[in-house]
Amino acid sequence: MGQGHDHGVSAAGAGSASGRYVRRLTIAIGLGLVTFVAQLVVGLRTSSLALLSDSAHVFTDVLGVSMALVAILLARSAIRRANRSYGMYRAEVFAALFNAVLLFAVAGWVIYEALGRLAAPPEVPGLPVTLVAIVGLVMNVIALLLLRRGAEHSLNVRGAYLEVMADMLGSIGVLISGLVTLLFGWRYADPVIGIAIGLFVLPRAYSLGKHALRILFQHAPADLDVAQVDTALTDLPGVRSVHDLHVWTLTSGMEVASAHLVIAGDANPATVLNEAQLLLAENYRLSHATLQIELPDSATECEKLAW
């Protein structure tokens, strides 16, 4: 059996999409802690249920973003071993899934509390709540701007981005509630806005969890047509057929593939290997591919062993 393997860039050594945003995630955590402390202190001093509730929300958001950061650092520092050939990049995906579950829990809790307040709305002190809400809003806007670009490229950073967005909506809700209470004395503003926030967060948490599970189940990237990749490889000069083609996502921004290429007897294995590698990298962003080159006779035996 004639074989050729191309391993591209090692998975443990390549930088994941999340790894580029460590500093920004750290700053976002710091901003969240400032908001949490301010809301907790003022909420306790004024007995404001709105501020105390939102401070709990902020705490879960800070915890979620912190887990995202820890997962990235863990993946970055992981040492490759014989039984850990891909390092620990999947830790980022698990953190994203945890963030989705956390968002579901927080959104459900917000809706539950809001419905309770519709029956008996508590008195919300207008001025201190408004001032602290403004501080929280500013902190969240800064954090969102820091993470916006990373959310487009990394599932893990997207989870942190959604955490901050939910927190920002909470700050806006508390701000509106404080202003309405301060100006008009209407107590129903807070529970109505709470329900709106919960309904906004739930579908986004679902989307994040769906993407995380897709990666953990090793499905092909959603924007990639595996059948098209198979056809493109088969159409390369010297290739007779392709089998055992697998494409999956290791972590955000790091897609990998493996395939067996059956070549003609007079084809040059090295040439076919290089052309296949170039095709996958340039046309399908699959820069890490393990390709096995097989001669017609050996391919028959290989297919018998394929599961």
C-alpha atoms as a PDB file:
ATOM      1  CA  MET A   1       0.000   0.000   0.000  1.00  0.00           C
ATOM      2  CA  GLY A   2       1.453   3.335  -0.993  1.00  0.00           C
ATOM      3  CA  GLN A   3       0.706   5.930   1.604  1.00  0.00           C
ATOM      4  CA  GLY A   4       1.242   9.627   2.003  1.00  0.00           C
ATOM      5  CA  HIS A   5       0.146  11.725   4.924  1.00  0.00           C
ATOM      6  CA  ASP A   6      -0.222  15.448   5.254  1.00  0.00           C
ATOM      7  CA  HIS A   7      -0.876  16.741   8.739  1.00  0.00           C
ATOM      8  CA  GLY A   8      -0.785  20.448   8.023  1.00  0.00           C
ATOM      9  CA  VAL A   9      -0.636  22.510  11.201  1.00  0.00           C
ATOM     10  CA  SER A  10      -0.821  20.555  14.432  1.00  0.00           C
ATOM     11  CA  ALA A  11      -4.058  21.091  16.274  1.00  0.00           C
ATOM     12  CA  ALA A  12      -2.403  21.699  19.604  1.00  0.00           C
ATOM     13  CA  GLY A  13       0.003  24.185  18.154  1.00  0.00           C
ATOM     14  CA  ALA A  14      -2.433  26.152  16.042  1.00  0.00           C
ATOM     15  CA  GLY A  15      -4.087  29.153  17.605  1.00  0.00           C
ATOM     16  CA  SER A  16      -7.849  28.846  18.006  1.00  0.00           C
ATOM     17  CA  ALA A  17     -10.135  31.752  17.161  1.00  0.00           C
ATOM     18  CA  SER A  18     -10.763  32.351  20.870  1.00  0.00           C
ATOM     19  CA  GLY A  19      -7.090  32.641  21.796  1.00  0.00           C
ATOM     20  CA  ARG A  20      -6.760  36.066  20.182  1.00  0.00           C
ATOM     21  CA  TYR A  21      -9.213  37.655  22.619  1.00  0.00           C
ATOM     22  CA  VAL A  22      -7.751  36.762  26.024  1.00  0.00           C
ATOM     23  CA  ARG A  23      -6.915  40.359  26.918  1.00  0.00           C
ATOM     24  CA  ARG A  24     -10.346  41.628  25.905  1.00  0.00           C
ATOM     25  CA  LEU A  25     -12.101  38.922  27.873  1.00  0.00           C
ATOM     26  CA  THR A  26     -10.013  39.837  30.916  1.00  0.00           C
ATOM     27  CA  ILE A  27     -11.039  43.487  30.619  1.00  0.00           C
ATOM     28  CA  ALA A  28     -14.698  42.466  30.194  1.00  0.00           C
ATOM     29  CA  ILE A  29     -14.503  40.457  33.417  1.00  0.00           C
ATOM     30  CA  GLY A  30     -13.048  43.458  35.256  1.00  0.00           C
ATOM     31  CA  LEU A  31     -15.831  45.724  33.975  1.00  0.00           C
ATOM     32  CA  GLY A  32     -18.429  43.172  35.026  1.00  0.00           C
ATOM     33  CA  LEU A  33     -16.984  42.985  38.530  1.00  0.00           C
ATOM     34  CA  VAL A  34     -17.211  46.777  38.856  1.00  0.00           C
ATOM     35  CA  THR A  35     -20.884  46.619  37.900  1.00  0.00           C
ATOM     36  CA  PHE A  36     -21.558  43.710  40.275  1.00  0.00           C
ATOM     37  CA  VAL A  37     -19.956  45.380  43.285  1.00  0.00           C
ATOM     38  CA  ALA A  38     -21.731  48.706  42.640  1.00  0.00           C
ATOM     39  CA  GLN A  39     -25.144  47.057  42.280  1.00  0.00           C
ATOM     40  CA  LEU A  40     -24.660  44.803  45.298  1.00  0.00           C
ATOM     41  CA  VAL A  41     -23.520  47.591  47.644  1.00  0.00           C
ATOM     42  CA  VAL A  42     -26.219  50.071  46.592  1.00  0.00           C
ATOM     43  CA  GLY A  43     -28.863  47.336  46.488  1.00  0.00           C
ATOM     44  CA  LEU A  44     -28.129  46.281  50.065  1.00  0.00           C
ATOM     45  CA  ARG A  45     -28.076  49.870  51.321  1.00  0.00           C
ATOM     46  CA  THR A  46     -31.347  50.826  49.645  1.00  0.00           C
ATOM     47  CA  SER A  47     -33.075  47.417  49.907  1.00  0.00           C
ATOM     48  CA  SER A  48     -33.667  47.612  46.171  1.00  0.00           C
ATOM     49  CA  LEU A  49     -34.881  44.258  44.888  1.00  0.00           C
ATOM     50  CA  ALA A  50     -34.297  45.374  41.310  1.00  0.00           C
ATOM     51  CA  LEU A  51     -30.620  46.070  41.923  1.00  0.00           C
ATOM     52  CA  LEU A  52     -30.078  42.949  44.015  1.00  0.00           C
ATOM     53  CA  SER A  53     -31.734  40.805  41.333  1.00  0.00           C
ATOM     54  CA  ASP A  54     -29.667  42.350  38.566  1.00  0.00           C
ATOM     55  CA  SER A  55     -26.494  41.984  40.632  1.00  0.00           C
ATOM     56  CA  ALA A  56     -27.158  38.230  40.764  1.00  0.00           C
ATOM     57  CA  HIS A  57     -27.609  38.320  36.997  1.00  0.00           C
ATOM     58  CA  VAL A  58     -24.317  40.175  36.600  1.00  0.00           C
ATOM     59  CA  PHE A  59     -22.558  37.675  38.853  1.00  0.00           C
ATOM     60  CA  THR A  60     -23.646  34.737  36.682  1.00  0.00           C
ATOM     61  CA  ASP A  61     -22.502  36.655  33.588  1.00  0.00           C
ATOM     62  CA  VAL A  62     -19.080  37.333  35.107  1.00  0.00           C
ATOM     63  CA  LEU A  63     -18.846  33.665  36.058  1.00  0.00           C
ATOM     64  CA  GLY A  64     -19.715  32.614  32.508  1.00  0.00           C
ATOM     65  CA  VAL A  65     -17.158  34.940  30.902  1.00  0.00           C
ATOM     66  CA  SER A  66     -14.553  33.817  33.437  1.00  0.00           C
ATOM     67  CA  MET A  67     -15.138  30.187  32.500  1.00  0.00           C
ATOM     68  CA  ALA A  68     -14.703  31.091  28.840  1.00  0.00           C
ATOM     69  CA  LEU A  69     -11.364  32.724  29.652  1.00  0.00           C
ATOM     70  CA  VAL A  70     -10.199  29.800  31.801  1.00  0.00           C
ATOM     71  CA  ALA A  71     -11.088  27.382  29.014  1.00  0.00           C
ATOM     72  CA  ILE A  72      -8.988  29.357  26.511  1.00  0.00           C
ATOM     73  CA  LEU A  73      -6.002  29.551  28.859  1.00  0.00           C
ATOM     74  CA  LEU A  74      -6.331  25.858  29.633  1.00  0.00           C
ATOM     75  CA  ALA A  75      -6.374  24.976  25.944  1.00  0.00           C
ATOM     76  CA  ARG A  76      -3.429  27.273  25.233  1.00  0.00           C
ATOM     77  CA  SER A  77      -1.232  25.831  27.985  1.00  0.00           C
ATOM     78  CA  ALA A  78      -2.178  22.180  27.468  1.00  0.00           C
ATOM     79  CA  ILE A  79       0.801  19.942  26.739  1.00  0.00           C
ATOM     80  CA  ARG A  80       0.407  17.484  23.890  1.00  0.00           C
ATOM     81  CA  ARG A  81       0.853  13.888  24.970  1.00  0.00           C
ATOM     82  CA  ALA A  82       0.469  10.573  23.192  1.00  0.00           C
ATOM     83  CA  ASN A  83      -3.027  10.173  24.661  1.00  0.00           C
ATOM     84  CA  ARG A  84      -3.924  13.874  24.216  1.00  0.00           C
ATOM     85  CA  SER A  85      -2.941  14.541  20.611  1.00  0.00           C
ATOM     86  CA  TYR A  86      -5.385  17.425  20.132  1.00  0.00           C
ATOM     87  CA  GLY A  87      -4.462  19.174  23.361  1.00  0.00           C
ATOM     88  CA  MET A  88      -7.496  20.554  25.233  1.00  0.00           C
ATOM     89  CA  TYR A  89      -9.132  22.830  22.685  1.00  0.00           C
ATOM     90  CA  ARG A  90     -12.484  21.150  23.286  1.00  0.00           C
ATOM     91  CA  ALA A  91     -12.495  22.801  26.730  1.00  0.00           C
ATOM     92  CA  GLU A  92     -13.514  25.993  24.925  1.00  0.00           C
ATOM     93  CA  VAL A  93     -16.556  24.281  23.428  1.00  0.00           C
ATOM     94  CA  PHE A  94     -17.594  22.837  26.787  1.00  0.00           C
ATOM     95  CA  ALA A  95     -17.353  26.339  28.261  1.00  0.00           C
ATOM     96  CA  ALA A  96     -19.572  27.677  25.475  1.00  0.00           C
ATOM     97  CA  LEU A  97     -22.122  24.940  26.175  1.00  0.00           C
ATOM     98  CA  PHE A  98     -22.016  25.755  29.896  1.00  0.00           C
ATOM     99  CA  ASN A  99     -22.601  29.428  29.038  1.00  0.00           C
ATOM    100  CA  ALA A 100     -25.675  28.443  27.014  1.00  0.00           C
ATOM    101  CA  VAL A 101     -27.071  26.478  29.957  1.00  0.00           C
ATOM    102  CA  LEU A 102     -26.263  29.399  32.255  1.00  0.00           C
ATOM    103  CA  LEU A 103     -28.065  31.831  29.952  1.00  0.00           C
ATOM    104  CA  PHE A 104     -31.122  29.556  29.929  1.00  0.00           C
ATOM    105  CA  ALA A 105     -31.122  29.403  33.730  1.00  0.00           C
ATOM    106  CA  VAL A 106     -30.727  33.157  34.171  1.00  0.00           C
ATOM    107  CA  ALA A 107     -33.384  33.973  31.561  1.00  0.00           C
ATOM    108  CA  GLY A 108     -35.793  31.542  33.214  1.00  0.00           C
ATOM    109  CA  TRP A 109     -35.098  33.039  36.617  1.00  0.00           C
ATOM    110  CA  VAL A 110     -35.626  36.584  35.323  1.00  0.00           C
ATOM    111  CA  ILE A 111     -38.991  35.641  33.793  1.00  0.00           C
ATOM    112  CA  TYR A 112     -40.040  33.850  36.978  1.00  0.00           C
ATOM    113  CA  GLU A 113     -39.148  36.850  39.147  1.00  0.00           C
ATOM    114  CA  ALA A 114     -40.823  39.234  36.724  1.00  0.00           C
ATOM    115  CA  LEU A 115     -44.074  37.281  36.786  1.00  0.00           C
ATOM    116  CA  GLY A 116     -43.979  37.330  40.590  1.00  0.00           C
ATOM    117  CA  ARG A 117     -43.554  41.092  40.589  1.00  0.00           C
ATOM    118  CA  LEU A 118     -46.588  41.558  38.345  1.00  0.00           C
ATOM    119  CA  ALA A 119     -48.712  40.272  41.209  1.00  0.00           C
ATOM    120  CA  ALA A 120     -47.005  42.392  43.864  1.00  0.00           C
ATOM    121  CA  PRO A 121     -44.525  44.884  42.389  1.00  0.00           C
ATOM    122  CA  PRO A 122     -41.937  45.996  44.986  1.00  0.00           C
ATOM    123  CA  GLU A 123     -41.082  49.652  45.499  1.00  0.00           C
ATOM    124  CA  VAL A 124     -37.939  50.513  43.548  1.00  0.00           C
ATOM    125  CA  PRO A 125     -35.956  53.564  44.767  1.00  0.00           C
ATOM    126  CA  GLY A 126     -35.664  55.707  41.659  1.00  0.00           C
ATOM    127  CA  LEU A 127     -32.544  57.861  42.015  1.00  0.00           C
ATOM    128  CA  PRO A 128     -29.915  55.364  43.312  1.00  0.00           C
ATOM    129  CA  VAL A 129     -31.190  52.688  40.952  1.00  0.00           C
ATOM    130  CA  THR A 130     -30.918  55.063  37.982  1.00  0.00           C
ATOM    131  CA  LEU A 131     -27.374  56.139  38.857  1.00  0.00           C
ATOM    132  CA  VAL A 132     -26.084  52.597  39.325  1.00  0.00           C
ATOM    133  CA  ALA A 133     -27.864  51.449  36.151  1.00  0.00           C
ATOM    134  CA  ILE A 134     -26.023  54.157  34.196  1.00  0.00           C
ATOM    135  CA  VAL A 135     -22.686  52.902  35.563  1.00  0.00           C
ATOM    136  CA  GLY A 136     -23.567  49.318  34.628  1.00  0.00           C
ATOM    137  CA  LEU A 137     -24.713  50.364  31.161  1.00  0.00           C
ATOM    138  CA  VAL A 138     -21.435  52.155  30.440  1.00  0.00           C
ATOM    139  CA  MET A 139     -19.401  49.153  31.629  1.00  0.00           C
ATOM    140  CA  ASN A 140     -21.414  46.778  29.462  1.00  0.00           C
ATOM    141  CA  VAL A 141     -21.212  48.907  26.343  1.00  0.00           C
ATOM    142  CA  ILE A 142     -17.424  49.009  26.648  1.00  0.00           C
ATOM    143  CA  ALA A 143     -17.293  45.227  27.127  1.00  0.00           C
ATOM    144  CA  LEU A 144     -19.565  44.646  24.113  1.00  0.00           C
ATOM    145  CA  LEU A 145     -17.354  46.771  21.889  1.00  0.00           C
ATOM    146  CA  LEU A 146     -14.320  44.793  23.055  1.00  0.00           C
ATOM    147  CA  LEU A 147     -15.892  41.406  22.295  1.00  0.00           C
ATOM    148  CA  ARG A 148     -17.963  42.207  19.201  1.00  0.00           C
ATOM    149  CA  ARG A 149     -15.375  41.162  16.624  1.00  0.00           C
ATOM    150  CA  GLY A 150     -14.402  38.021  18.516  1.00  0.00           C
ATOM    151  CA  ALA A 151     -18.059  36.947  18.673  1.00  0.00           C
ATOM    152  CA  GLU A 152     -18.064  36.692  14.867  1.00  0.00           C
ATOM    153  CA  HIS A 153     -15.178  34.206  14.792  1.00  0.00           C
ATOM    154  CA  SER A 154     -15.263  32.240  18.057  1.00  0.00           C
ATOM    155  CA  LEU A 155     -18.088  30.236  19.602  1.00  0.00           C
ATOM    156  CA  ASN A 156     -16.545  30.660  23.023  1.00  0.00           C
ATOM    157  CA  VAL A 157     -16.198  34.444  22.717  1.00  0.00           C
ATOM    158  CA  ARG A 158     -19.739  34.544  21.312  1.00  0.00           C
ATOM    159  CA  GLY A 159     -20.953  32.953  24.537  1.00  0.00           C
ATOM    160  CA  ALA A 160     -19.166  35.635  26.557  1.00  0.00           C
ATOM    161  CA  TYR A 161     -20.564  38.302  24.217  1.00  0.00           C
ATOM    162  CA  LEU A 162     -24.107  37.060  24.813  1.00  0.00           C
ATOM    163  CA  GLU A 163     -23.506  37.074  28.548  1.00  0.00           C
ATOM    164  CA  VAL A 164     -22.484  40.748  28.392  1.00  0.00           C
ATOM    165  CA  MET A 165     -25.385  41.577  26.056  1.00  0.00           C
ATOM    166  CA  ALA A 166     -27.870  40.029  28.472  1.00  0.00           C
ATOM    167  CA  ASP A 167     -26.247  41.989  31.283  1.00  0.00           C
ATOM    168  CA  MET A 168     -26.480  45.209  29.249  1.00  0.00           C
ATOM    169  CA  LEU A 169     -30.174  44.605  28.653  1.00  0.00           C
ATOM    170  CA  GLY A 170     -30.576  44.102  32.387  1.00  0.00           C
ATOM    171  CA  SER A 171     -28.888  47.473  32.995  1.00  0.00           C
ATOM    172  CA  ILE A 172     -31.156  49.141  30.436  1.00  0.00           C
ATOM    173  CA  GLY A 173     -34.169  47.543  32.072  1.00  0.00           C
ATOM    174  CA  VAL A 174     -33.132  48.710  35.530  1.00  0.00           C
ATOM    175  CA  LEU A 175     -32.404  52.183  34.135  1.00  0.00           C
ATOM    176  CA  ILE A 176     -35.826  52.467  32.531  1.00  0.00           C
ATOM    177  CA  SER A 177     -37.464  51.095  35.644  1.00  0.00           C
ATOM    178  CA  GLY A 178     -35.591  53.590  37.825  1.00  0.00           C
ATOM    179  CA  LEU A 179     -36.485  56.527  35.599  1.00  0.00           C
ATOM    180  CA  VAL A 180     -40.145  55.540  35.330  1.00  0.00           C
ATOM    181  CA  THR A 181     -40.379  55.028  39.091  1.00  0.00           C
ATOM    182  CA  LEU A 182     -38.556  58.291  39.758  1.00  0.00           C
ATOM    183  CA  LEU A 183     -40.705  60.317  37.377  1.00  0.00           C
ATOM    184  CA  PHE A 184     -44.117  58.607  37.532  1.00  0.00           C
ATOM    185  CA  GLY A 185     -44.044  56.221  40.512  1.00  0.00           C
ATOM    186  CA  TRP A 186     -45.240  53.303  38.300  1.00  0.00           C
ATOM    187  CA  ARG A 187     -44.075  50.020  39.872  1.00  0.00           C
ATOM    188  CA  TYR A 188     -44.934  47.695  36.966  1.00  0.00           C
ATOM    189  CA  ALA A 189     -42.113  48.918  34.735  1.00  0.00           C
ATOM    190  CA  ASP A 190     -39.535  46.557  36.265  1.00  0.00           C
ATOM    191  CA  PRO A 191     -41.446  43.233  35.866  1.00  0.00           C
ATOM    192  CA  VAL A 192     -42.591  44.061  32.321  1.00  0.00           C
ATOM    193  CA  ILE A 193     -39.034  44.807  31.221  1.00  0.00           C
ATOM    194  CA  GLY A 194     -37.796  41.684  33.026  1.00  0.00           C
ATOM    195  CA  ILE A 195     -40.075  39.479  30.936  1.00  0.00           C
ATOM    196  CA  ALA A 196     -38.893  41.193  27.734  1.00  0.00           C
ATOM    197  CA  ILE A 197     -35.247  40.564  28.677  1.00  0.00           C
ATOM    198  CA  GLY A 198     -35.874  36.880  29.370  1.00  0.00           C
ATOM    199  CA  LEU A 199     -37.658  36.407  26.047  1.00  0.00           C
ATOM    200  CA  PHE A 200     -34.778  38.110  24.250  1.00  0.00           C
ATOM    201  CA  VAL A 201     -32.100  35.944  25.849  1.00  0.00           C
ATOM    202  CA  LEU A 202     -33.734  32.512  25.459  1.00  0.00           C
ATOM    203  CA  PRO A 203     -33.483  32.094  21.643  1.00  0.00           C
ATOM    204  CA  ARG A 204     -29.873  33.315  21.676  1.00  0.00           C
ATOM    205  CA  ALA A 205     -28.982  30.804  24.384  1.00  0.00           C
ATOM    206  CA  TYR A 206     -30.612  28.092  22.278  1.00  0.00           C
ATOM    207  CA  SER A 207     -28.538  29.069  19.226  1.00  0.00           C
ATOM    208  CA  LEU A 208     -25.299  29.041  21.212  1.00  0.00           C
ATOM    209  CA  GLY A 209     -26.053  25.636  22.724  1.00  0.00           C
ATOM    210  CA  LYS A 210     -26.993  24.224  19.320  1.00  0.00           C
ATOM    211  CA  HIS A 211     -23.657  25.293  17.804  1.00  0.00           C
ATOM    212  CA  ALA A 212     -21.700  23.905  20.754  1.00  0.00           C
ATOM    213  CA  LEU A 213     -23.445  20.540  20.534  1.00  0.00           C
ATOM    214  CA  ARG A 214     -22.842  20.435  16.777  1.00  0.00           C
ATOM    215  CA  ILE A 215     -19.103  20.647  17.429  1.00  0.00           C
ATOM    216  CA  LEU A 216     -19.165  18.135  20.288  1.00  0.00           C
ATOM    217  CA  PHE A 217     -21.063  15.652  18.106  1.00  0.00           C
ATOM    218  CA  GLN A 218     -18.384  16.184  15.426  1.00  0.00           C
ATOM    219  CA  HIS A 219     -20.807  17.248  12.727  1.00  0.00           C
ATOM    220  CA  ALA A 220     -19.413  18.926   9.631  1.00  0.00           C
ATOM    221  CA  PRO A 221     -19.344  22.761   9.723  1.00  0.00           C
ATOM    222  CA  ALA A 222     -22.792  24.120   8.864  1.00  0.00           C
ATOM    223  CA  ASP A 223     -21.495  26.166   5.920  1.00  0.00           C
ATOM    224  CA  LEU A 224     -19.555  23.283   4.344  1.00  0.00           C
ATOM    225  CA  ASP A 225     -20.952  20.849   1.766  1.00  0.00           C
ATOM    226  CA  VAL A 226     -19.100  17.574   2.382  1.00  0.00           C
ATOM    227  CA  ALA A 227     -20.439  16.050  -0.842  1.00  0.00           C
ATOM    228  CA  GLN A 228     -18.938  18.968  -2.750  1.00  0.00           C
ATOM    229  CA  VAL A 229     -15.576  18.414  -1.063  1.00  0.00           C
ATOM    230  CA  ASP A 230     -15.755  14.745  -2.048  1.00  0.00           C
ATOM    231  CA  THR A 231     -16.445  15.652  -5.677  1.00  0.00           C
ATOM    232  CA  ALA A 232     -13.654  18.230  -5.764  1.00  0.00           C
ATOM    233  CA  LEU A 233     -11.110  15.719  -4.456  1.00  0.00           C
ATOM    234  CA  THR A 234     -12.296  13.043  -6.882  1.00  0.00           C
ATOM    235  CA  ASP A 235     -11.904  15.463  -9.807  1.00  0.00           C
ATOM    236  CA  LEU A 236      -8.214  16.065  -9.065  1.00  0.00           C
ATOM    237  CA  PRO A 237      -5.828  14.706 -11.736  1.00  0.00           C
ATOM    238  CA  GLY A 238      -4.668  11.211 -10.845  1.00  0.00           C
ATOM    239  CA  VAL A 239      -7.439  10.531  -8.296  1.00  0.00           C
ATOM    240  CA  ARG A 240      -9.759   7.601  -9.064  1.00  0.00           C
ATOM    241  CA  SER A 241     -11.974   7.728  -5.988  1.00  0.00           C
ATOM    242  CA  VAL A 242     -12.305   9.054  -2.444  1.00  0.00           C
ATOM    243  CA  HIS A 243     -13.560   7.212   0.634  1.00  0.00           C
ATOM    244  CA  ASP A 244     -13.648   7.662   4.415  1.00  0.00           C
ATOM    245  CA  LEU A 245     -13.933  11.435   4.062  1.00  0.00           C
ATOM    246  CA  HIS A 246     -14.588  13.102   7.416  1.00  0.00           C
ATOM    247  CA  VAL A 247     -14.809  16.822   8.182  1.00  0.00           C
ATOM    248  CA  TRP A 248     -15.431  18.235  11.638  1.00  0.00           C
ATOM    249  CA  THR A 249     -14.709  21.224  13.863  1.00  0.00           C
ATOM    250  CA  LEU A 250     -12.192  20.849  16.670  1.00  0.00           C
ATOM    251  CA  THR A 251     -12.983  24.262  18.153  1.00  0.00           C
ATOM    252  CA  SER A 252     -14.109  27.603  16.767  1.00  0.00           C
ATOM    253  CA  GLY A 253     -11.977  28.590  13.787  1.00  0.00           C
ATOM    254  CA  MET A 254     -10.220  25.211  13.597  1.00  0.00           C
ATOM    255  CA  GLU A 255     -11.777  22.793  11.095  1.00  0.00           C
ATOM    256  CA  VAL A 256     -10.050  19.473  10.397  1.00  0.00           C
ATOM    257  CA  ALA A 257     -10.485  16.712   7.827  1.00  0.00           C
ATOM    258  CA  SER A 258      -9.309  13.236   6.936  1.00  0.00           C
ATOM    259  CA  ALA A 259      -9.738  11.196   3.741  1.00  0.00           C
ATOM    260  CA  HIS A 260      -8.381   8.263   1.720  1.00  0.00           C
ATOM    261  CA  LEU A 261      -7.545   9.015  -1.919  1.00  0.00           C
ATOM    262  CA  VAL A 262      -7.289   6.136  -4.364  1.00  0.00           C
ATOM    263  CA  ILE A 263      -4.936   7.153  -7.191  1.00  0.00           C
ATOM    264  CA  ALA A 264      -4.157   5.777 -10.614  1.00  0.00           C
ATOM    265  CA  GLY A 265      -1.211   3.417 -10.911  1.00  0.00           C
ATOM    266  CA  ASP A 266       0.837   5.934 -12.907  1.00  0.00           C
ATOM    267  CA  ALA A 267       0.022   8.947 -10.679  1.00  0.00           C
ATOM    268  CA  ASN A 268       2.663  10.569  -8.495  1.00  0.00           C
ATOM    269  CA  PRO A 269       1.547  10.228  -4.825  1.00  0.00           C
ATOM    270  CA  ALA A 270       3.460  13.332  -3.711  1.00  0.00           C
ATOM    271  CA  THR A 271       1.906  15.469  -6.456  1.00  0.00           C
ATOM    272  CA  VAL A 272      -1.627  14.266  -5.682  1.00  0.00           C
ATOM    273  CA  LEU A 273      -1.061  14.844  -1.960  1.00  0.00           C
ATOM    274  CA  ASN A 274       0.150  18.414  -2.471  1.00  0.00           C
ATOM    275  CA  GLU A 275      -2.701  19.286  -4.838  1.00  0.00           C
ATOM    276  CA  ALA A 276      -5.300  17.829  -2.470  1.00  0.00           C
ATOM    277  CA  GLN A 277      -3.830  19.742   0.460  1.00  0.00           C
ATOM    278  CA  LEU A 278      -3.872  22.992  -1.530  1.00  0.00           C
ATOM    279  CA  LEU A 279      -7.452  22.411  -2.656  1.00  0.00           C
ATOM    280  CA  LEU A 280      -8.725  21.834   0.887  1.00  0.00           C
ATOM    281  CA  ALA A 281      -6.841  24.789   2.354  1.00  0.00           C
ATOM    282  CA  GLU A 282      -7.678  27.372  -0.311  1.00  0.00           C
ATOM    283  CA  ASN A 283     -11.212  26.369  -1.307  1.00  0.00           C
ATOM    284  CA  TYR A 284     -12.615  25.044   1.967  1.00  0.00           C
ATOM    285  CA  ARG A 285     -10.419  26.559   4.729  1.00  0.00           C
ATOM    286  CA  LEU A 286      -9.351  23.051   5.807  1.00  0.00           C
ATOM    287  CA  SER A 287      -5.707  23.759   6.539  1.00  0.00           C
ATOM    288  CA  HIS A 288      -5.375  20.737   8.851  1.00  0.00           C
ATOM    289  CA  ALA A 289      -6.056  17.599   6.810  1.00  0.00           C
ATOM    290  CA  THR A 290      -4.771  14.057   7.148  1.00  0.00           C
ATOM    291  CA  LEU A 291      -4.786  12.415   3.723  1.00  0.00           C
ATOM    292  CA  GLN A 292      -3.907   8.821   2.938  1.00  0.00           C
ATOM    293  CA  ILE A 293      -2.838   7.975  -0.609  1.00  0.00           C
ATOM    294  CA  GLU A 294      -3.737   4.466  -1.789  1.00  0.00           C
ATOM    295  CA  LEU A 295      -2.952   2.459  -4.912  1.00  0.00           C
ATOM    296  CA  PRO A 296      -5.905   0.617  -6.526  1.00  0.00           C
ATOM    297  CA  ASP A 297      -4.968  -2.838  -5.181  1.00  0.00           C
ATOM    298  CA  SER A 298      -4.327  -1.697  -1.609  1.00  0.00           C
ATOM    299  CA  ALA A 299      -7.490   0.442  -1.599  1.00  0.00           C
ATOM    300  CA  THR A 300      -9.665  -2.676  -1.867  1.00  0.00           C
ATOM    301  CA  GLU A 301      -8.189  -4.073   1.324  1.00  0.00           C
ATOM    302  CA  CYS A 302      -8.471  -0.710   3.054  1.00  0.00           C
ATOM    303  CA  GLU A 303     -12.173  -0.404   2.253  1.00  0.00           C
ATOM    304  CA  LYS A 304     -12.788  -3.830   3.792  1.00  0.00           C
ATOM    305  CA  LEU A 305     -11.363  -2.514   7.077  1.00  0.00           C
ATOM    306  CA  ALA A 306     -13.288   0.767   6.988  1.00  0.00           C
ATOM    307  CA  TRP A 307     -16.082   1.050   9.497  1.00  0.00           C
END
